[in-house]
Amino acid sequence: MPAQAATAVQPAAAAAIDQPDLFGREAAPPPRSVYTAPVWSVPPPAAKPPPVSPYITPVTPVAPPAIAVPVKSRPPTPTPEHSSKRQLQVGEFILEYELRRSTRRSIGFMIDDDGLRVTAPKRVTITEIDNAIRTKQGWILAKLKERRERRAARLQKPPVEWIDGAQLPYLGADITLRLLVGGRYRSSFDAATRELTMVLLPGATEHTLKERVKAWYQHEAKQLFVQRLDLYAERLGVHYSSFGLSSAGTRWGSCTADRKIRLNWKLIHFSLPLIDYVVAHELAHTLEMNHSAAFWDTVGLIYPEYDDARNLLRKRAQELPVLF
């Protein structure tokens, strides 16, 4: 028996007999296979370069040099006190940070892909804020470097190729994407074979496929996160007022003073113990709205291995492929 073409997928099993429905309409045709190299994955033909005039010397474009952050010594640009972006000389570096005023009682530091963000009470002066930054400069510079390296590592990973047979992360392991063409959009997941089947309309684009996969991820995340929140809330003896999904770029979860919890749907890529760590973390904030020793003691009541999970979550986040 001749082998099938490598670019085609085995078609789904057809029904034995296609019967018309009660209104005499023909049954919808079963999904059929699509190619493993859909239209959107075929590179477009290269455009012909414009003709070069013999009277003009061609100029080779030079890419601008990459600028490291923080930038080494240069005179800091003066910034008015009311500005949200400020600069401070810290040792041999010029450190840029975003300043936010709030009703909190102390100065807080947050580092994400955008850099350093400082939140301070309105009564605290700029001089006091700058002194607090210099006091913690070792920790701040180390975290900025770590964040920069993690971001660079993520950007170096090749993006997922959205074709039949693609491997996608789900609950700490890979699942296989299967693509079919049918009369309407449908998705189904077979836990036994670990295959996510997406039925697409003819002519569907890569953007459509990615949005359908994202919607499936979010649906799975919402169902699972509610289950884990209820489980750990009962263990801790607390209640949360509401729950929702977030798409934050740098935060896995949040909890407000009125006990509204949001969890990043991308946690669904990780194993259940790492999801449970974030769940326990946010539930502990319903009792302790800080990261004090009392807060971590509260986390430890329901998730004793929180320190290992926190470190592993950082590591796994760096290993994720570029999806969306």
Protein backbone atom coordinates (compact mmCIF):
# COMPACT_ATOMS: atom_id res chain seq x y z
CA MET A 1 0.00 0.00 0.00
CA PRO A 2 1.59 3.32 -1.02
CA ALA A 3 2.46 5.68 1.83
CA GLN A 4 0.36 8.80 2.19
CA ALA A 5 1.85 12.18 1.41
CA ALA A 6 3.73 13.52 4.41
CA THR A 7 1.82 16.78 4.25
CA ALA A 8 -1.63 15.31 4.87
CA VAL A 9 -3.36 14.22 8.05
CA GLN A 10 -5.43 11.05 8.31
CA PRO A 11 -9.09 12.11 7.87
CA ALA A 12 -11.47 11.59 10.75
CA ALA A 13 -13.62 8.47 10.58
CA ALA A 14 -16.81 9.20 8.63
CA ALA A 15 -20.26 8.22 9.85
CA ALA A 16 -21.64 4.98 8.41
CA ILE A 17 -24.61 6.62 6.62
CA ASP A 18 -25.39 10.31 6.22
CA GLN A 19 -29.13 10.54 6.97
CA PRO A 20 -31.24 13.69 6.38
CA ASP A 21 -32.66 15.26 9.53
CA LEU A 22 -36.36 15.58 10.41
CA PHE A 23 -36.72 18.60 8.13
CA GLY A 24 -35.25 16.80 5.14
CA ARG A 25 -31.92 18.63 5.27
CA GLU A 26 -28.73 16.81 4.43
CA ALA A 27 -26.45 16.05 7.36
CA ALA A 28 -23.33 18.23 7.64
CA PRO A 29 -20.29 16.58 6.05
CA PRO A 30 -17.76 15.17 8.52
CA PRO A 31 -14.56 17.13 9.14
CA ARG A 32 -11.83 16.45 6.62
CA SER A 33 -8.12 16.61 6.95
CA VAL A 34 -6.00 19.68 6.34
CA TYR A 35 -2.42 19.95 5.26
CA THR A 36 0.36 19.97 7.79
CA ALA A 37 1.71 23.05 6.01
CA PRO A 38 -1.32 25.40 5.80
CA VAL A 39 -1.34 28.43 3.56
CA TRP A 40 -0.21 30.82 6.30
CA SER A 41 2.98 28.82 6.96
CA VAL A 42 4.17 29.08 3.35
CA PRO A 43 6.51 32.09 3.05
CA PRO A 44 5.39 34.64 0.43
CA PRO A 45 7.58 35.08 -2.64
CA ALA A 46 10.47 37.42 -2.04
CA ALA A 47 9.89 40.89 -3.43
CA LYS A 48 12.30 41.99 -6.13
CA PRO A 49 14.67 44.71 -4.95
CA PRO A 50 14.18 48.10 -6.61
CA PRO A 51 16.63 48.99 -9.39
CA VAL A 52 19.78 50.74 -8.21
CA SER A 53 20.80 53.95 -9.95
CA PRO A 54 24.38 53.84 -11.25
CA TYR A 55 24.72 57.50 -10.24
CA ILE A 56 24.00 56.96 -6.53
CA THR A 57 26.27 55.08 -4.16
CA PRO A 58 24.09 52.55 -2.32
CA VAL A 59 24.09 52.96 1.45
CA THR A 60 24.08 49.83 3.58
CA PRO A 61 21.71 50.33 6.53
CA VAL A 62 23.30 49.87 9.91
CA ALA A 63 21.22 48.50 12.76
CA PRO A 64 21.18 50.76 15.82
CA PRO A 65 23.30 49.42 18.67
CA ALA A 66 21.52 47.66 21.51
CA ILE A 67 21.33 49.79 24.63
CA ALA A 68 21.85 47.96 27.89
CA VAL A 69 19.69 48.87 30.87
CA PRO A 70 20.72 50.39 33.17
CA VAL A 71 22.99 52.64 31.10
CA LYS A 72 26.43 53.34 32.46
CA SER A 73 27.45 56.73 33.72
CA ARG A 74 26.09 59.80 32.02
CA PRO A 75 24.66 62.93 33.59
CA PRO A 76 21.10 62.22 34.77
CA THR A 77 18.38 64.20 33.10
CA PRO A 78 16.64 66.46 35.62
CA THR A 79 13.02 65.44 36.20
CA PRO A 80 10.39 67.45 38.01
CA GLU A 81 8.97 66.00 41.21
CA HIS A 82 5.52 65.45 39.74
CA SER A 83 6.88 63.37 36.82
CA SER A 84 6.09 59.65 36.91
CA LYS A 85 9.43 58.79 35.27
CA ARG A 86 12.53 59.69 37.25
CA GLN A 87 16.27 59.09 37.05
CA LEU A 88 18.76 58.55 39.85
CA GLN A 89 22.52 58.10 39.94
CA VAL A 90 23.14 54.76 41.68
CA GLY A 91 26.86 54.00 41.85
CA GLU A 92 28.11 53.92 38.26
CA PHE A 93 24.62 53.56 36.79
CA ILE A 94 21.81 55.91 35.90
CA LEU A 95 18.70 54.14 37.14
CA GLU A 96 15.35 55.10 35.63
CA TYR A 97 12.21 54.27 37.58
CA GLU A 98 8.50 54.99 37.55
CA LEU A 99 7.11 56.69 40.65
CA ARG A 100 3.55 56.18 41.79
CA ARG A 101 1.90 57.78 44.77
CA SER A 102 -0.58 55.83 46.87
CA THR A 103 -2.16 55.55 50.31
CA ARG A 104 0.19 52.77 51.38
CA ARG A 105 2.22 53.32 54.55
CA SER A 106 5.68 52.46 53.22
CA ILE A 107 7.77 52.59 50.07
CA GLY A 108 7.33 49.55 47.82
CA PHE A 109 9.44 48.29 44.92
CA MET A 110 8.19 46.30 41.91
CA ILE A 111 10.38 45.07 39.04
CA ASP A 112 8.92 43.81 35.78
CA ASP A 113 9.83 43.84 32.08
CA ASP A 114 9.31 47.60 32.03
CA GLY A 115 11.90 48.18 34.75
CA LEU A 116 11.62 49.48 38.31
CA ARG A 117 8.38 50.85 39.70
CA VAL A 118 8.35 52.59 43.09
CA THR A 119 5.12 53.15 45.03
CA ALA A 120 5.32 55.61 47.90
CA PRO A 121 2.96 57.48 50.24
CA LYS A 122 2.18 61.08 49.28
CA ARG A 123 3.84 62.40 52.43
CA VAL A 124 7.25 60.86 51.55
CA THR A 125 9.65 63.28 49.84
CA ILE A 126 11.65 62.58 46.69
CA THR A 127 14.86 62.66 48.74
CA GLU A 128 13.53 59.95 51.04
CA ILE A 129 12.51 57.85 48.04
CA ASP A 130 15.94 58.22 46.41
CA ASN A 131 17.64 57.27 49.68
CA ALA A 132 15.43 54.17 49.96
CA ILE A 133 16.44 53.16 46.41
CA ARG A 134 20.14 53.57 47.19
CA THR A 135 19.70 51.47 50.34
CA LYS A 136 18.28 48.62 48.23
CA GLN A 137 20.40 49.21 45.14
CA GLY A 138 22.12 45.81 45.33
CA TRP A 139 18.80 43.95 45.28
CA ILE A 140 17.31 46.27 42.65
CA LEU A 141 20.22 45.99 40.20
CA ALA A 142 20.40 42.21 40.64
CA LYS A 143 16.67 41.83 39.95
CA LEU A 144 16.83 44.12 36.91
CA LYS A 145 19.66 42.01 35.49
CA GLU A 146 17.76 38.79 36.19
CA ARG A 147 14.61 40.14 34.56
CA ARG A 148 16.56 41.33 31.51
CA GLU A 149 18.20 37.90 31.08
CA ARG A 150 14.86 36.11 31.43
CA ARG A 151 13.29 38.36 28.82
CA ALA A 152 16.19 37.80 26.43
CA ALA A 153 15.93 34.02 26.92
CA ARG A 154 12.20 34.09 26.10
CA LEU A 155 12.74 36.14 22.97
CA GLN A 156 15.43 33.73 21.74
CA LYS A 157 13.05 30.77 21.78
CA PRO A 158 11.57 29.97 18.36
CA PRO A 159 7.82 30.61 18.16
CA VAL A 160 5.43 27.69 17.81
CA GLU A 161 4.69 26.79 14.19
CA TRP A 162 0.91 26.60 13.94
CA ILE A 163 0.52 23.43 11.90
CA ASP A 164 -0.98 20.01 12.43
CA GLY A 165 1.17 18.11 14.93
CA ALA A 166 2.43 21.21 16.76
CA GLN A 167 3.34 20.68 20.42
CA LEU A 168 1.64 22.98 22.94
CA PRO A 169 2.24 23.21 26.71
CA TYR A 170 -0.68 22.18 28.93
CA LEU A 171 -0.59 21.38 32.65
CA GLY A 172 3.17 20.84 32.68
CA ALA A 173 3.46 18.60 29.62
CA ASP A 174 3.03 18.82 25.85
CA ILE A 175 -0.16 18.10 23.95
CA THR A 176 -0.46 17.62 20.19
CA LEU A 177 -2.48 19.99 18.03
CA ARG A 178 -4.66 18.35 15.38
CA LEU A 179 -6.24 20.46 12.62
CA LEU A 180 -9.37 19.58 10.65
CA VAL A 181 -11.66 21.46 8.29
CA GLY A 182 -15.41 21.33 8.90
CA GLY A 183 -18.67 23.23 8.70
CA ARG A 184 -18.24 25.06 12.00
CA TYR A 185 -15.59 25.82 14.59
CA ARG A 186 -15.22 23.11 17.21
CA SER A 187 -12.56 22.03 19.68
CA SER A 188 -12.10 18.85 21.69
CA PHE A 189 -9.38 17.42 23.88
CA ASP A 190 -8.64 13.71 24.25
CA ALA A 191 -6.90 13.21 27.59
CA ALA A 192 -5.93 9.63 26.68
CA THR A 193 -4.02 10.58 23.52
CA ARG A 194 -3.24 14.13 24.73
CA GLU A 195 -4.50 15.58 21.45
CA LEU A 196 -6.28 18.90 21.06
CA THR A 197 -8.39 18.83 17.90
CA MET A 198 -9.41 22.10 16.30
CA VAL A 199 -12.02 22.02 13.54
CA LEU A 200 -11.74 25.15 11.40
CA LEU A 201 -13.82 26.62 8.62
CA PRO A 202 -12.32 26.45 5.13
CA GLY A 203 -9.94 29.35 4.58
CA ALA A 204 -9.32 29.94 8.28
CA THR A 205 -6.22 32.01 9.02
CA GLU A 206 -3.42 31.44 11.48
CA HIS A 207 -4.79 34.31 13.60
CA THR A 208 -8.15 32.55 13.80
CA LEU A 209 -6.50 29.30 14.85
CA LYS A 210 -4.46 31.01 17.57
CA GLU A 211 -7.55 32.77 18.93
CA ARG A 212 -9.46 29.48 19.03
CA VAL A 213 -6.61 27.77 20.90
CA LYS A 214 -6.33 30.71 23.31
CA ALA A 215 -10.09 30.54 23.98
CA TRP A 216 -9.77 26.83 24.75
CA TYR A 217 -6.88 27.48 27.13
CA GLN A 218 -8.86 30.18 28.92
CA HIS A 219 -11.94 27.99 29.25
CA GLU A 220 -9.86 25.20 30.76
CA ALA A 221 -8.08 27.65 33.06
CA LYS A 222 -11.28 29.16 34.43
CA GLN A 223 -12.79 25.79 35.29
CA LEU A 224 -9.64 24.44 36.92
CA PHE A 225 -8.75 27.61 38.85
CA VAL A 226 -12.20 27.83 40.46
CA GLN A 227 -11.84 24.24 41.66
CA ARG A 228 -8.41 24.91 43.17
CA LEU A 229 -9.50 28.21 44.74
CA ASP A 230 -12.45 26.54 46.45
CA LEU A 231 -10.26 23.69 47.67
CA TYR A 232 -7.57 25.90 49.22
CA ALA A 233 -10.01 28.51 50.52
CA GLU A 234 -11.70 25.78 52.54
CA ARG A 235 -8.34 24.60 53.89
CA LEU A 236 -7.39 28.13 54.93
CA GLY A 237 -10.86 28.97 56.23
CA VAL A 238 -11.28 32.08 54.06
CA HIS A 239 -13.66 33.33 51.37
CA TYR A 240 -12.94 35.30 48.22
CA SER A 241 -15.55 37.68 46.85
CA SER A 242 -14.97 37.10 43.13
CA PHE A 243 -12.62 35.50 40.65
CA GLY A 244 -11.55 36.39 37.13
CA LEU A 245 -8.83 35.63 34.61
CA SER A 246 -6.07 38.08 33.76
CA SER A 247 -3.66 38.39 30.84
CA ALA A 248 -0.98 40.33 32.71
CA GLY A 249 2.46 40.20 31.21
CA THR A 250 4.41 39.98 34.47
CA ARG A 251 2.04 38.91 37.26
CA TRP A 252 0.63 35.45 37.87
CA GLY A 253 -2.08 36.63 40.23
CA SER A 254 -3.50 39.44 42.31
CA CYS A 255 -5.84 39.95 45.26
CA THR A 256 -7.49 43.24 46.20
CA ALA A 257 -8.42 44.49 49.65
CA ASP A 258 -12.04 43.47 49.01
CA ARG A 259 -10.89 39.89 48.21
CA LYS A 260 -11.26 39.96 44.44
CA ILE A 261 -8.81 37.44 43.01
CA ARG A 262 -7.46 37.36 39.47
CA LEU A 263 -5.25 34.59 38.11
CA ASN A 264 -3.27 34.68 34.88
CA TRP A 265 -4.80 32.20 32.43
CA LYS A 266 -1.29 31.32 31.18
CA LEU A 267 -0.78 29.38 34.42
CA ILE A 268 -2.65 26.59 32.61
CA HIS A 269 0.64 25.88 30.82
CA PHE A 270 2.25 24.76 34.11
CA SER A 271 1.85 21.68 36.27
CA LEU A 272 -0.86 21.55 38.92
CA PRO A 273 1.52 22.04 41.90
CA LEU A 274 2.70 25.36 40.44
CA ILE A 275 -0.88 26.47 39.84
CA ASP A 276 -1.73 25.53 43.42
CA TYR A 277 1.17 27.62 44.71
CA VAL A 278 -0.20 30.76 43.03
CA VAL A 279 -3.71 29.94 44.25
CA ALA A 280 -2.46 29.56 47.83
CA HIS A 281 -0.41 32.76 47.47
CA GLU A 282 -3.40 34.88 46.46
CA LEU A 283 -5.72 33.35 49.04
CA ALA A 284 -3.19 34.17 51.76
CA HIS A 285 -3.52 37.81 50.69
CA THR A 286 -7.13 37.76 51.90
CA LEU A 287 -5.61 37.69 55.39
CA GLU A 288 -2.29 39.47 54.85
CA MET A 289 -2.16 42.22 52.19
CA ASN A 290 1.66 42.23 52.13
CA HIS A 291 4.64 39.92 51.78
CA SER A 292 5.66 39.94 55.42
CA ALA A 293 6.79 36.94 57.46
CA ALA A 294 3.19 36.58 58.64
CA PHE A 295 2.07 36.35 55.01
CA TRP A 296 4.49 33.56 54.14
CA ASP A 297 3.54 31.73 57.34
CA THR A 298 -0.05 31.88 56.12
CA VAL A 299 0.92 30.48 52.71
CA GLY A 300 2.83 27.70 54.48
CA LEU A 301 -0.30 26.61 56.34
CA ILE A 302 -1.84 25.32 53.11
CA TYR A 303 1.21 25.03 50.82
CA PRO A 304 4.36 24.20 52.83
CA GLU A 305 6.57 23.80 49.73
CA TYR A 306 5.93 27.37 48.57
CA ASP A 307 9.62 28.33 48.36
CA ASP A 308 10.49 25.48 45.98
CA ALA A 309 7.38 26.18 43.90
CA ARG A 310 8.18 29.88 43.65
CA ASN A 311 11.68 29.16 42.29
CA LEU A 312 10.43 26.45 39.93
CA LEU A 313 7.72 28.76 38.56
CA ARG A 314 10.39 31.28 37.57
CA LYS A 315 12.39 28.53 35.86
CA ARG A 316 9.43 27.06 33.99
CA ALA A 317 8.33 30.51 32.83
CA GLN A 318 11.67 30.90 31.05
CA GLU A 319 11.24 27.56 29.30
CA LEU A 320 7.84 28.29 27.76
CA PRO A 321 7.79 28.58 23.97
CA VAL A 322 6.52 31.75 22.35
CA LEU A 323 2.83 31.10 21.67
CA PHE A 324 0.77 34.26 21.26
